[in-house]
Protein backbone atom coordinates (compact mmCIF):
# COMPACT_ATOMS: atom_id res chain seq x y z
CA MET A 1 106.90 64.76 101.04
CA MET A 2 105.94 68.46 100.97
CA ALA A 3 109.08 69.47 102.86
CA VAL A 4 111.34 67.56 100.46
CA LEU A 5 109.65 68.98 97.36
CA SER A 6 109.75 72.51 98.78
CA LEU A 7 113.45 72.22 99.57
CA LEU A 8 114.17 70.89 96.08
CA THR A 9 112.22 73.75 94.51
CA LEU A 10 114.05 76.23 96.68
CA LEU A 11 117.39 74.72 95.65
CA VAL A 12 116.47 74.95 91.96
CA VAL A 13 115.42 78.61 92.29
CA CYS A 14 118.65 79.52 94.13
CA LEU A 15 120.87 77.66 91.65
CA ALA A 16 119.09 79.21 88.68
CA THR A 17 119.53 82.64 90.28
CA VAL A 18 123.25 82.11 90.77
CA LEU A 19 123.72 80.78 87.21
CA VAL A 20 121.91 83.77 85.71
CA ALA A 21 124.02 86.09 87.89
CA VAL A 22 127.21 84.41 86.66
CA HIS A 23 126.11 85.14 83.11
CA GLY A 24 125.87 88.81 84.09
CA LEU A 25 129.33 88.62 85.63
CA ARG A 26 130.84 87.81 82.24
CA LEU A 27 129.45 91.11 80.95
CA SER A 28 130.33 93.31 83.96
CA ARG A 29 133.66 95.03 83.50
CA THR A 30 133.33 98.74 84.33
CA THR A 31 132.05 100.86 87.20
CA SER A 32 129.09 101.82 85.02
CA ASP A 33 128.25 98.13 84.59
CA PHE A 34 128.03 97.68 88.33
CA TYR A 35 125.92 100.79 89.03
CA VAL A 36 123.65 101.19 85.98
CA ALA A 37 124.47 98.27 83.62
CA SER A 38 126.21 100.85 81.38
CA ARG A 39 122.77 102.34 80.58
CA THR A 40 122.12 99.73 77.88
CA VAL A 41 119.06 97.87 79.22
CA ARG A 42 116.22 97.88 76.70
CA PRO A 43 112.59 98.56 77.70
CA TRP A 44 111.15 95.02 77.69
CA TRP A 45 114.09 93.57 79.58
CA ASN A 46 114.15 96.44 82.05
CA ALA A 47 110.39 96.27 82.57
CA SER A 48 110.65 92.58 83.40
CA ALA A 49 113.47 93.38 85.84
CA ILE A 50 111.41 96.14 87.48
CA GLY A 51 108.50 93.73 87.79
CA GLY A 52 110.87 91.22 89.33
CA GLU A 53 112.14 93.55 92.03
CA TYR A 54 108.94 95.52 92.70
CA LEU A 55 106.74 92.44 93.26
CA SER A 56 108.00 91.66 96.73
CA ALA A 57 106.81 89.59 99.68
CA ALA A 58 104.00 92.13 100.11
CA SER A 59 102.75 91.41 96.59
CA PHE A 60 103.32 87.65 96.46
CA LEU A 61 102.03 86.79 99.96
CA GLY A 62 100.72 89.98 101.57
CA VAL A 63 98.05 91.03 99.04
CA ALA A 64 96.18 87.74 99.36
CA GLY A 65 96.53 87.94 103.13
CA LEU A 66 95.08 91.44 103.25
CA ILE A 67 92.09 90.39 101.17
CA VAL A 68 91.51 87.41 103.47
CA VAL A 69 91.57 89.65 106.55
CA SER A 70 90.04 92.88 105.19
CA GLY A 71 87.87 91.76 102.32
CA GLN A 72 87.28 94.33 99.61
CA SER A 73 89.41 96.95 101.41
CA GLY A 74 92.48 94.86 100.63
CA LEU A 75 91.91 95.44 96.91
CA TRP A 76 93.26 99.01 97.25
CA PHE A 77 96.79 97.70 97.70
CA PRO A 78 97.27 96.06 94.27
CA ILE A 79 95.47 99.02 92.67
CA GLY A 80 97.76 101.48 94.42
CA TYR A 81 100.92 99.47 93.73
CA THR A 82 100.11 99.50 90.01
CA ALA A 83 98.81 103.08 89.77
CA GLY A 84 102.02 104.37 91.33
CA TYR A 85 103.77 103.52 88.09
CA LEU A 86 101.40 105.81 86.22
CA MET A 87 102.74 108.62 88.43
CA LEU A 88 106.28 107.53 87.55
CA LEU A 89 105.42 107.55 83.86
CA LEU A 90 103.90 111.03 83.94
CA PHE A 91 106.30 112.87 86.21
CA VAL A 92 109.60 111.12 86.89
CA ALA A 93 110.83 108.37 84.55
CA ALA A 94 112.28 110.30 81.61
CA PRO A 95 113.64 113.35 83.51
CA LEU A 96 115.32 111.11 86.07
CA ARG A 97 117.04 109.10 83.34
CA ARG A 98 118.23 112.29 81.61
CA SER A 99 119.83 113.49 84.86
CA GLN A 100 122.66 111.01 84.16
CA ALA A 101 122.83 110.14 87.86
CA TYR A 102 123.81 106.76 89.27
CA THR A 103 121.81 107.02 92.52
CA LEU A 104 119.25 109.26 94.23
CA PRO A 105 121.98 111.11 96.17
CA ASP A 106 123.67 111.71 92.80
CA PHE A 107 120.45 113.30 91.54
CA ALA A 108 120.31 115.56 94.60
CA GLN A 109 123.93 116.56 94.02
CA ILE A 110 123.41 117.28 90.31
CA ARG A 111 120.23 119.30 90.91
CA PHE A 112 121.44 121.38 93.88
CA ALA A 113 125.23 120.96 94.23
CA SER A 114 124.65 120.64 97.99
CA LEU A 115 126.75 118.25 100.07
CA PRO A 116 124.42 118.38 103.14
CA LEU A 117 121.41 117.55 100.96
CA ARG A 118 123.32 114.71 99.34
CA LYS A 119 124.22 113.27 102.75
CA LEU A 120 120.64 113.54 104.01
CA THR A 121 119.36 111.81 100.88
CA THR A 122 121.93 109.05 101.34
CA TYR A 123 120.86 108.45 104.94
CA LEU A 124 117.19 108.32 103.95
CA VAL A 125 117.94 105.89 101.11
CA VAL A 126 119.81 103.66 103.55
CA LEU A 127 116.92 103.75 106.03
CA ILE A 128 114.26 103.09 103.37
CA CYS A 129 116.17 100.16 101.91
CA LEU A 130 116.66 98.62 105.35
CA LEU A 131 112.97 99.03 106.18
CA TYR A 132 112.03 97.39 102.87
CA ILE A 133 114.51 94.50 103.04
CA VAL A 134 113.51 93.35 106.53
CA PRO A 135 109.94 92.28 105.48
CA GLN A 136 111.50 90.21 102.68
CA MET A 137 113.55 88.40 105.31
CA HIS A 138 110.45 87.89 107.47
CA GLY A 139 108.59 86.53 104.45
CA ALA A 140 111.39 84.05 103.80
CA ALA A 141 111.27 82.91 107.43
CA LEU A 142 107.49 82.44 107.25
CA THR A 143 107.62 80.54 103.95
CA LEU A 144 110.38 78.14 104.88
CA SER A 145 109.01 77.36 108.34
CA ILE A 146 105.52 76.58 106.98
CA ALA A 147 106.69 74.53 104.00
CA THR A 148 109.55 72.59 105.57
CA GLY A 149 109.39 72.98 109.34
CA LEU A 150 112.93 74.35 109.43
CA PRO A 151 113.80 77.14 111.91
CA GLY A 152 112.71 80.59 110.73
CA TRP A 153 116.25 81.98 110.66
CA VAL A 154 117.24 79.62 107.82
CA GLY A 155 115.08 81.46 105.24
CA PRO A 156 116.62 84.92 105.75
CA LEU A 157 120.09 83.38 105.78
CA ILE A 158 119.50 81.73 102.38
CA VAL A 159 118.15 84.97 100.91
CA ALA A 160 121.10 86.98 102.25
CA ALA A 161 123.68 84.51 100.94
CA VAL A 162 122.23 84.23 97.42
CA VAL A 163 121.60 87.98 97.10
CA CYS A 164 125.09 88.87 98.31
CA LEU A 165 126.65 86.47 95.80
CA THR A 166 124.43 87.79 93.00
CA VAL A 167 125.15 91.47 93.59
CA VAL A 168 128.85 91.09 94.37
CA SER A 169 129.41 89.05 91.22
CA GLY A 170 128.21 91.59 88.68
CA GLY A 171 126.32 94.48 90.30
CA MET A 172 123.41 95.94 88.35
CA ARG A 173 124.29 93.96 85.25
CA SER A 174 123.86 90.62 87.04
CA VAL A 175 120.85 91.78 89.00
CA THR A 176 119.05 92.87 85.81
CA PHE A 177 119.25 89.37 84.34
CA VAL A 178 118.21 87.81 87.66
CA GLN A 179 115.21 90.05 88.21
CA ALA A 180 113.87 89.72 84.67
CA PHE A 181 114.05 85.93 84.97
CA GLN A 182 112.37 85.98 88.38
CA TYR A 183 109.40 88.08 87.29
CA TRP A 184 108.28 85.35 84.91
CA LEU A 185 109.08 82.65 87.46
CA LYS A 186 106.91 84.39 90.08
CA LEU A 187 104.08 84.84 87.60
CA ALA A 188 104.14 81.14 86.69
CA ALA A 189 104.28 80.16 90.37
CA LEU A 190 100.97 81.98 90.93
CA VAL A 191 99.20 81.19 87.65
CA ILE A 192 99.67 77.42 87.87
CA PRO A 193 98.19 76.85 91.36
CA THR A 194 95.44 79.45 90.87
CA VAL A 195 94.21 77.84 87.64
CA LEU A 196 94.31 74.35 89.16
CA LEU A 197 92.52 75.51 92.30
CA LEU A 198 89.77 77.10 90.21
CA VAL A 199 89.44 73.94 88.11
CA ARG A 200 89.05 71.94 91.30
CA ILE A 201 86.56 74.31 92.95
CA ILE A 202 84.26 75.53 90.17
CA PRO A 203 82.61 72.21 89.08
CA GLY A 204 79.75 71.15 91.30
CA ASN A 205 79.13 74.58 92.82
CA ASP A 206 76.06 76.68 92.21
CA PRO A 207 77.43 79.90 90.60
CA GLY A 208 74.61 82.09 91.87
CA MET A 209 75.02 80.92 95.44
CA ARG A 210 78.80 81.37 95.31
CA VAL A 211 78.51 84.92 93.93
CA GLN A 212 76.12 85.85 96.73
CA GLN A 213 78.36 84.22 99.33
CA LEU A 214 81.44 85.98 97.92
CA SER A 215 79.69 89.34 97.99
CA GLU A 216 78.76 88.83 101.62
CA ARG A 217 82.17 87.63 102.77
CA MET A 218 84.20 90.23 100.86
CA GLY A 219 82.27 92.97 102.66
CA ASP A 220 82.34 91.41 106.12
CA GLY A 221 84.56 92.92 108.80
CA GLY A 222 87.98 94.48 108.60
CA SER A 223 86.96 97.19 106.15
CA LEU A 224 88.95 100.41 106.27
CA GLY A 225 87.32 103.76 106.91
CA LEU A 226 87.23 106.54 104.31
CA TYR A 227 90.21 108.38 105.80
CA GLU A 228 92.37 105.26 106.02
CA THR A 229 91.50 104.28 102.45
CA ILE A 230 92.44 107.73 101.11
CA SER A 231 95.66 107.73 103.13
CA ILE A 232 96.69 104.30 101.80
CA ILE A 233 96.04 105.42 98.22
CA ILE A 234 98.17 108.56 98.73
CA ALA A 235 100.96 106.50 100.31
CA LEU A 236 101.02 103.98 97.44
CA LEU A 237 100.72 106.55 94.65
CA PHE A 238 103.36 108.95 95.93
CA GLY A 239 105.46 106.37 97.74
CA THR A 240 106.29 104.61 94.49
CA LEU A 241 108.02 107.81 93.36
CA GLY A 242 110.45 107.54 96.26
CA LEU A 243 111.49 103.87 96.17
CA PRO A 244 115.27 103.84 95.61
CA HIS A 245 115.40 100.34 94.12
CA VAL A 246 112.72 101.22 91.57
CA LEU A 247 114.17 104.61 90.61
CA VAL A 248 117.68 103.24 90.09
CA ARG A 249 116.37 100.98 87.33
CA PHE A 250 115.49 104.00 85.19
CA TYR A 251 119.15 105.00 85.22
CA THR A 252 119.85 101.79 83.25
CA ASN A 253 117.77 102.75 80.18
CA PRO A 254 119.62 104.11 77.12
CA THR A 255 117.43 107.27 76.90
CA GLY A 256 114.62 109.13 78.60
CA GLN A 257 112.17 107.89 75.97
CA ALA A 258 113.26 104.32 76.70
CA ALA A 259 112.55 104.98 80.38
CA ARG A 260 109.00 106.06 79.48
CA SER A 261 108.52 102.96 77.32
CA THR A 262 109.78 100.81 80.17
CA THR A 263 107.22 102.32 82.54
CA VAL A 264 104.33 101.67 80.13
CA ILE A 265 105.35 98.01 79.85
CA VAL A 266 105.69 97.75 83.63
CA LEU A 267 102.10 98.93 84.03
CA GLY A 268 100.99 96.04 81.84
CA LEU A 269 103.17 93.47 83.61
CA LEU A 270 101.95 94.54 87.06
CA SER A 271 98.32 94.48 85.95
CA VAL A 272 98.72 90.91 84.72
CA PHE A 273 100.54 89.81 87.87
CA TYR A 274 98.11 91.20 90.44
CA ILE A 275 95.19 89.25 88.99
CA TRP A 276 96.57 86.12 90.61
CA PRO A 277 97.27 87.06 94.24
CA VAL A 278 93.89 88.84 94.25
CA ALA A 279 92.23 85.64 92.99
CA LEU A 280 94.00 83.59 95.66
CA GLY A 281 92.96 86.09 98.34
CA VAL A 282 89.34 85.86 97.20
CA LEU A 283 89.52 82.05 97.25
CA GLY A 284 90.98 82.17 100.74
CA ARG A 285 88.23 84.54 101.87
CA LEU A 286 85.52 82.37 100.33
CA TYR A 287 86.62 78.82 101.10
CA THR A 288 88.62 79.10 104.32
CA PRO A 289 86.74 81.53 106.59
CA GLU A 290 88.16 79.83 109.69
CA HIS A 291 91.63 81.08 108.71
CA HIS A 292 90.79 84.80 108.63
CA ALA A 293 92.87 85.59 111.71
CA PRO A 294 95.65 88.10 110.90
CA GLY A 295 98.32 85.69 112.16
CA ASN A 296 97.41 83.20 109.42
CA ALA A 297 96.70 85.66 106.63
CA ASP A 298 100.15 86.03 105.08
CA ALA A 299 100.35 82.25 104.74
CA THR A 300 97.15 82.05 102.64
CA VAL A 301 98.96 81.57 99.31
CA LEU A 302 101.15 78.87 100.84
CA LEU A 303 98.34 77.01 102.60
CA LEU A 304 95.52 77.15 100.03
CA PRO A 305 96.74 74.09 98.08
CA GLN A 306 96.68 72.04 101.30
CA TRP A 307 93.22 73.32 102.24
CA ILE A 308 91.67 72.42 98.89
CA PHE A 309 93.75 69.49 97.55
CA ASP A 310 94.87 66.25 99.20
CA GLY A 311 98.02 64.15 98.92
CA TRP A 312 100.71 64.67 96.31
CA ALA A 313 98.80 67.36 94.40
CA ALA A 314 98.80 69.62 97.47
CA ASP A 315 102.51 68.95 98.05
CA VAL A 316 103.49 69.73 94.45
CA LEU A 317 101.47 72.94 94.28
CA THR A 318 102.82 74.11 97.63
CA ALA A 319 106.36 73.51 96.38
CA VAL A 320 105.62 75.59 93.27
CA VAL A 321 104.37 78.45 95.43
CA VAL A 322 107.43 78.19 97.70
CA GLY A 323 109.69 78.54 94.65
CA GLY A 324 107.83 81.62 93.50
CA ALA A 325 107.85 83.14 96.97
CA PHE A 326 111.62 82.79 97.24
CA ALA A 327 112.01 84.26 93.77
CA ALA A 328 110.08 87.29 95.13
CA PHE A 329 112.31 87.58 98.18
CA LEU A 330 115.50 87.20 96.15
CA SER A 331 114.63 89.61 93.34
CA THR A 332 113.32 92.41 95.56
CA THR A 333 116.15 92.07 98.06
CA SER A 334 118.77 92.10 95.31
CA GLY A 335 117.35 95.35 93.88
CA LEU A 336 117.30 96.93 97.32
CA VAL A 337 120.84 95.79 98.06
CA VAL A 338 122.06 97.29 94.77
CA SER A 339 120.46 100.63 95.67
CA LEU A 340 121.76 100.52 99.23
CA ALA A 341 125.26 99.44 98.17
CA GLY A 342 125.37 102.13 95.48
CA ALA A 343 124.47 104.89 97.92
CA VAL A 344 126.90 103.65 100.61
CA SER A 345 129.70 103.10 98.11
CA GLN A 346 129.35 106.56 96.56
CA GLU A 347 129.25 108.18 99.99
CA PHE A 348 131.95 106.26 101.86
CA PHE A 349 134.07 104.29 99.35
CA ALA A 350 134.62 106.75 96.48
CA GLY A 351 132.23 104.88 94.19
CA THR A 352 134.74 102.22 93.11
CA VAL A 353 133.88 98.65 92.14
CA ARG A 354 135.74 97.40 95.22
CA GLY A 355 133.80 99.86 97.37
CA PHE A 356 130.55 98.66 95.79
CA ARG A 357 131.36 95.07 96.71
CA ILE A 358 132.26 95.98 100.30
CA SER A 359 129.04 97.98 100.55
CA THR A 360 127.08 95.00 99.23
CA VAL A 361 128.28 92.81 102.08
CA ILE A 362 127.32 95.52 104.59
CA ALA A 363 123.96 96.07 102.88
CA THR A 364 123.18 92.36 103.17
CA LEU A 365 124.33 91.72 106.72
CA ALA A 366 122.68 94.76 108.34
CA PRO A 367 119.04 93.89 107.45
CA LEU A 368 119.73 90.21 108.20
CA LEU A 369 120.66 91.21 111.74
CA VAL A 370 117.61 93.47 112.09
CA ALA A 371 115.31 90.70 110.81
CA ALA A 372 116.79 88.27 113.34
CA LEU A 373 116.04 90.70 116.19
CA THR A 374 112.48 91.61 115.16
CA SER A 375 109.22 89.76 114.73
CA SER A 376 107.26 89.53 111.50
CA LEU A 377 104.53 92.06 110.80
CA ALA A 378 101.71 91.73 108.28
CA LEU A 379 103.77 91.89 105.10
CA ALA A 380 101.63 94.21 102.98
CA GLY A 381 101.00 96.45 105.98
CA ALA A 382 104.71 96.71 106.76
CA ILE A 383 105.53 97.61 103.16
CA GLY A 384 102.63 100.08 103.16
CA ASN A 385 104.34 101.91 106.03
CA VAL A 386 107.53 102.15 103.95
CA PHE A 387 105.52 103.64 101.08
CA ALA A 388 104.10 106.27 103.47
CA PHE A 389 107.63 107.13 104.61
CA THR A 390 109.06 107.42 101.09
CA ALA A 391 106.06 109.50 99.99
CA SER A 392 106.80 111.89 102.86
CA THR A 393 110.55 112.18 102.20
CA ILE A 394 112.00 111.33 98.79
CA CYS A 395 108.87 112.12 96.76
CA PRO A 396 108.86 115.91 97.44
CA LEU A 397 112.54 116.13 96.53
CA LEU A 398 111.99 114.36 93.22
CA LEU A 399 108.74 115.94 92.10
CA LEU A 400 109.64 119.50 93.03
CA GLY A 401 113.28 119.04 92.02
CA ILE A 402 112.19 118.01 88.54
CA TRP A 403 109.25 120.39 88.04
CA TRP A 404 109.74 123.50 90.20
CA ARG A 405 112.53 125.93 89.43
CA GLN A 406 112.34 127.75 92.78
CA LEU A 407 113.16 124.73 94.93
CA THR A 408 116.24 125.27 97.10
CA SER A 409 118.46 122.78 98.89
CA ILE A 410 117.40 124.24 102.26
CA GLY A 411 113.73 123.83 101.34
CA ALA A 412 114.30 120.27 100.15
CA MET A 413 116.09 119.35 103.38
CA ALA A 414 113.42 120.98 105.55
CA GLY A 415 110.65 119.12 103.74
CA MET A 416 112.44 115.78 103.88
CA LEU A 417 113.18 116.11 107.59
CA THR A 418 109.61 117.22 108.33
CA GLY A 419 108.17 114.29 106.41
CA ALA A 420 110.58 111.79 107.96
CA VAL A 421 110.03 112.91 111.55
CA SER A 422 106.25 113.32 111.32
CA CYS A 423 105.66 110.01 109.51
CA ALA A 424 108.09 108.01 111.66
CA LEU A 425 106.72 109.38 114.94
CA ALA A 426 103.15 108.72 113.84
CA LEU A 427 103.90 105.10 112.98
CA LEU A 428 105.82 104.55 116.22
CA VAL A 429 103.09 106.04 118.41
CA SER A 430 100.39 104.14 116.50
CA GLY A 431 101.97 100.93 117.74
CA LEU A 432 100.93 101.94 121.26
CA LEU A 433 97.35 102.50 120.09
CA ALA A 434 97.04 99.32 118.05
CA GLU A 435 93.68 98.30 119.51
CA SER A 436 92.16 101.77 119.52
CA GLU A 437 89.45 102.76 117.04
CA SER A 438 89.69 106.48 117.76
CA VAL A 439 90.19 109.18 115.13
CA LEU A 440 93.66 109.89 116.52
CA ALA A 441 94.64 106.25 116.16
CA ALA A 442 93.52 106.25 112.52
CA LEU A 443 95.47 109.45 111.81
CA LEU A 444 98.63 107.93 113.28
CA ARG A 445 98.15 104.46 111.79
CA GLN A 446 97.86 105.84 108.26
CA PRO A 447 99.76 109.17 108.29
CA ALA A 448 100.32 109.70 104.56
CA ALA A 449 97.16 111.79 104.07
CA TRP A 450 98.62 114.53 106.27
CA SER A 451 102.39 113.85 106.40
CA VAL A 452 102.83 114.03 102.60
CA PRO A 453 101.02 117.41 102.19
CA LEU A 454 102.89 118.68 105.26
CA ALA A 455 106.25 117.76 103.70
CA PHE A 456 105.33 119.49 100.42
CA VAL A 457 104.08 122.65 102.18
CA VAL A 458 107.20 122.95 104.32
CA THR A 459 109.40 122.39 101.26
CA VAL A 460 107.65 125.14 99.30
CA LEU A 461 107.49 127.67 102.15
CA VAL A 462 111.13 127.26 103.15
CA SER A 463 112.21 127.45 99.49
CA LEU A 464 110.30 130.70 99.04
CA THR A 465 111.95 132.19 102.11
CA THR A 466 115.41 131.11 100.89
CA ALA A 467 114.91 132.16 97.26
CA LYS A 468 118.46 133.49 97.04
CA ARG A 469 119.73 129.91 97.42
CA VAL A 470 118.26 128.77 94.08
CA PRO A 471 121.20 127.25 92.16
CA ARG A 472 122.59 129.54 89.47
CA ASN A 473 122.71 126.72 86.93
CA VAL A 474 119.11 125.66 87.57
CA ASP A 475 117.95 126.50 84.04
CA ARG A 476 120.69 124.40 82.47
CA ILE A 477 119.92 121.46 84.78
CA LEU A 478 116.18 121.64 84.13
CA GLU A 479 116.84 121.81 80.40
CA ARG A 480 118.85 118.60 80.68
CA LEU A 481 115.99 116.93 82.57
CA HIS A 482 113.20 117.95 80.21
CA VAL A 483 114.59 118.27 76.69
CA PRO A 484 114.39 114.92 74.84
CA GLU A 485 117.63 113.43 73.60
CA ARG A 486 118.47 113.79 69.94
CA SER A 487 119.69 110.22 69.92
CA ALA A 488 120.70 107.48 72.30
CA LEU A 489 124.32 108.49 71.84
CA SER A 490 123.75 112.07 72.95
CA ASP A 491 122.74 111.03 76.47
């Protein structure tokens, strides 16, 4: 019964996604439509789309799993995911929109007129998108195998097929409609089971005893140390500034002010959303202590209905959660594929619509192959590593490129390479010290606290020593980034 309902829900979500994408296809005619939806997406619609793509497998499944395993330490992830948008609002959203770029490599080219820097940025965008897409594929494999018993490879294949069709059909225009729709679908898929689970659990329980029990269990075991907590917060705050699929959405707003308004709305939408996976994680921690093993944690949201309900009610609620989970995989993957296809198309296919579509197929098949050859990691932890990497690479380029006149292309490249190499090596070596509790293991496991400052310091020092390489038109470019538009038509 549960398998049949889950498959039907999955079919409905995929068909609805394709139908919404086809609607976008009718409106996609120009190159600008495919890359930035002709910069006509209004704040509420764009905010919903950003919520749709940002709330990935790590948010839908991983946050609850982290709370089940780590207790109160897991709460830093939803806080950090949301607070990162405050950084975007304050420092990046409006200037990035005013740059009139299509992609992050475009921004690097506009700011520095440097082909090597553009190429390096493109390669980093490709790597970041691949690293971010693969956990979505793993999440799809986990969800489908638990809910239906089908082989794990079927889930990633479904996600790849639907996303490829969505993006190829209408580019950013189609994806915007899809992601906005899927934010609200994901929210409903968490609200409905959470409310019903609470209604089932609360009656008949002594509130005082449950509060005491919750306090004890949320603090038991798995808690992160002070250094690791600080490092995670730095990774999430600064890493948000470097996510290509998030940044590209700001290019779709009509003006810089609209980009700021979009970010404010996103903060509200994320705050509302994260209430529910946190609640499910707390319920899992409180009522299913025997399932606290890390291998079971990411499945908490999927399995809670079966642990607390019996019969058809458990099957129906599980199917609802499966639908929401696949909406998360589809919306996030589609945003990443758009960013990846845009960067590849601009770099290797002259930025044409045909080149965008070819790049989309490549951008879908490559992570599908990687996902098939790798095993699933803890979803929120895997995404947290991507945040640490983006904070150490793209973030210095953006923040200093927008706010520091003396930044040079050589300095930007040196900082990005330093951050990429140091963060990547730390994460790779930490895999060999997985069971160690030493200080060195903690430093390598959560490198953002030192790799991000290191990248910024190298960027600044190299820029100061290559001061003659500051672009001659830097004042004109910075004026474009920081002076508000007179009207929507002037941008």
